[in-house]
Amino acid sequence: MLQLPYNNEQFDCVYCRNVISHTDTEGMKQIIKELDRVMKHKAECYITLGSKDTWGFKQEDWPLIDENTRLRMEEGPEYKVPHFYVDYNLVKELFSNFKIINIHQEIEYNETKNFVAESYHYHVLIQKY
C-alpha cells in the first residue's frame, strides 16, 4: 500500500480492516498519504489498527523497530513481519489531515482460551476534507 496502483481521487470509500499494520511508523505515514491521494473529496475510510494495549506490542523479547513497531517473533506466517501499533493520541496525530468521524477501541476475546482478552484494535472512521 506504499504505492497504490490507482489514479488520484478515485474512491468514494476505502475499507482497511487489519491490512495496513505490517509496516513501521514511516511506512504507515506513507500509506496514509496514499489513502489521501486516492480518496475523493468527502470520501470516507474505515481503518483498523493494532492497539499498544494488545499483547503483541507488550512482547519485550520482540525487537522494537521504532516507538510504534515491533518485529513479530512468533513462529508462523507473520514471523519476522513488522507490526505497527497505535494509541489514541497517535491515531489523532496520524489522521490530523482528515475529519475524524469516530475512534473507538475494541477488545477481541478468544473463545478457545476461556474468553481471555487476546487483542485490542482501534477502529477509525475518517473523511477526506
Protein backbone atom coordinates (compact mmCIF):
# COMPACT_ATOMS: atom_id res chain seq x y z
CA MET A 1 0.00 0.00 0.00
CA LEU A 2 3.03 2.27 -0.16
CA GLN A 3 2.29 3.00 -3.84
CA LEU A 4 -1.31 2.21 -4.70
CA PRO A 5 -1.91 1.46 -8.41
CA TYR A 6 -4.87 3.83 -8.67
CA ASN A 7 -5.49 7.30 -10.02
CA ASN A 8 -5.78 10.34 -7.78
CA GLU A 9 -9.19 10.89 -6.18
CA GLN A 10 -10.62 7.63 -7.48
CA PHE A 11 -12.55 6.26 -4.49
CA ASP A 12 -15.62 7.35 -2.52
CA CYS A 13 -14.94 4.77 0.18
CA VAL A 14 -11.97 2.72 1.37
CA TYR A 15 -12.13 -0.22 3.80
CA CYS A 16 -8.91 -1.29 5.56
CA ARG A 17 -9.64 -3.94 8.18
CA ASN A 18 -6.48 -5.46 9.67
CA VAL A 19 -4.47 -4.91 6.48
CA ILE A 20 -2.23 -1.86 6.81
CA SER A 21 -0.30 -2.58 10.01
CA HIS A 22 2.53 -4.66 8.55
CA THR A 23 4.93 -1.73 8.36
CA ASP A 24 6.79 0.71 10.58
CA THR A 25 5.89 4.30 11.50
CA GLU A 26 7.35 5.86 8.34
CA GLY A 27 5.59 3.23 6.21
CA MET A 28 2.29 4.00 7.95
CA LYS A 29 2.69 7.71 7.20
CA GLN A 30 3.28 6.86 3.53
CA ILE A 31 0.22 4.58 3.46
CA ILE A 32 -1.91 7.39 4.88
CA LYS A 33 -0.58 9.76 2.18
CA GLU A 34 -1.57 7.19 -0.44
CA LEU A 35 -5.04 6.83 1.05
CA ASP A 36 -5.40 10.61 0.94
CA ARG A 37 -4.25 10.64 -2.68
CA VAL A 38 -6.72 8.02 -3.94
CA MET A 39 -9.74 9.24 -1.94
CA LYS A 40 -12.18 11.73 -3.45
CA HIS A 41 -13.25 14.89 -1.60
CA LYS A 42 -15.59 13.86 1.25
CA ALA A 43 -14.72 10.16 0.75
CA GLU A 44 -14.70 8.03 3.89
CA CYS A 45 -12.25 5.40 5.05
CA TYR A 46 -12.74 2.76 7.75
CA ILE A 47 -9.46 1.52 9.23
CA THR A 48 -8.46 -0.85 12.00
CA LEU A 49 -5.08 -0.56 13.69
CA GLY A 50 -3.46 -2.68 16.38
CA SER A 51 -3.51 -1.05 19.80
CA LYS A 52 -0.48 -0.64 22.03
CA ASP A 53 -2.68 -2.31 24.68
CA THR A 54 -2.58 -5.63 22.81
CA TRP A 55 -0.26 -8.48 23.82
CA GLY A 56 1.90 -8.23 20.68
CA PHE A 57 3.15 -4.74 21.47
CA LYS A 58 3.94 -5.80 25.04
CA GLN A 59 6.26 -8.64 23.96
CA GLU A 60 9.54 -7.23 25.27
CA ASP A 61 11.52 -10.04 23.62
CA TRP A 62 10.21 -8.97 20.18
CA PRO A 63 12.58 -6.38 18.65
CA LEU A 64 11.34 -2.79 18.74
CA ILE A 65 11.84 -1.26 15.27
CA ASP A 66 10.67 2.21 16.33
CA GLU A 67 8.49 3.52 19.16
CA ASN A 68 5.34 2.09 17.50
CA THR A 69 6.57 -1.04 15.73
CA ARG A 70 7.62 -4.50 16.86
CA LEU A 71 9.03 -7.33 14.77
CA ARG A 72 6.81 -10.36 15.38
CA MET A 73 8.89 -13.32 16.58
CA GLU A 74 6.12 -15.91 16.90
CA GLU A 75 6.52 -18.87 14.53
CA GLY A 76 4.03 -18.80 11.68
CA PRO A 77 3.18 -16.81 8.57
CA GLU A 78 3.92 -13.45 10.23
CA TYR A 79 7.31 -14.47 11.66
CA LYS A 80 9.70 -11.50 11.49
CA VAL A 81 6.99 -9.30 9.96
CA PRO A 82 6.78 -5.78 11.44
CA HIS A 83 3.56 -4.87 13.26
CA PHE A 84 2.63 -1.23 13.78
CA TYR A 85 0.66 -0.25 16.91
CA VAL A 86 -1.14 2.94 18.00
CA ASP A 87 -2.67 4.63 20.99
CA TYR A 88 -5.48 7.20 20.92
CA ASN A 89 -3.18 10.21 20.62
CA LEU A 90 -1.21 8.65 17.78
CA VAL A 91 -4.44 7.92 15.87
CA LYS A 92 -5.39 11.60 16.18
CA GLU A 93 -1.91 12.67 15.05
CA LEU A 94 -1.73 10.32 12.06
CA PHE A 95 -5.13 11.35 10.73
CA SER A 96 -4.92 15.07 11.56
CA ASN A 97 -5.36 15.97 7.87
CA PHE A 98 -8.72 14.20 7.81
CA LYS A 99 -12.00 14.76 9.59
CA ILE A 100 -12.10 12.06 12.25
CA ILE A 101 -15.69 10.87 12.50
CA ASN A 102 -15.18 8.12 15.06
CA ILE A 103 -12.41 6.44 17.04
CA HIS A 104 -13.05 3.52 19.32
CA GLN A 105 -11.07 0.65 20.73
CA GLU A 106 -12.40 -2.90 20.73
CA ILE A 107 -11.23 -5.95 22.64
CA GLU A 108 -11.33 -9.33 20.93
CA TYR A 109 -11.80 -12.33 23.22
CA ASN A 110 -10.54 -15.81 22.34
CA GLU A 111 -13.22 -18.45 22.88
CA THR A 112 -10.69 -21.32 22.87
CA LYS A 113 -8.75 -19.64 25.70
CA ASN A 114 -11.73 -19.22 28.06
CA PHE A 115 -12.57 -15.84 26.57
CA VAL A 116 -9.31 -14.20 27.60
CA ALA A 117 -8.78 -10.78 26.04
CA GLU A 118 -6.48 -11.56 23.14
CA SER A 119 -6.18 -8.42 21.07
CA TYR A 120 -7.10 -4.78 21.09
CA HIS A 121 -7.73 -2.77 17.92
CA TYR A 122 -8.62 0.81 17.20
CA HIS A 123 -11.47 1.25 14.72
CA VAL A 124 -11.26 4.58 12.97
CA LEU A 125 -13.65 6.25 10.55
CA ILE A 126 -12.21 9.23 8.71
CA GLN A 127 -13.38 11.55 5.96
CA LYS A 128 -11.21 13.43 3.50
CA TYR A 129 -11.66 17.21 3.58
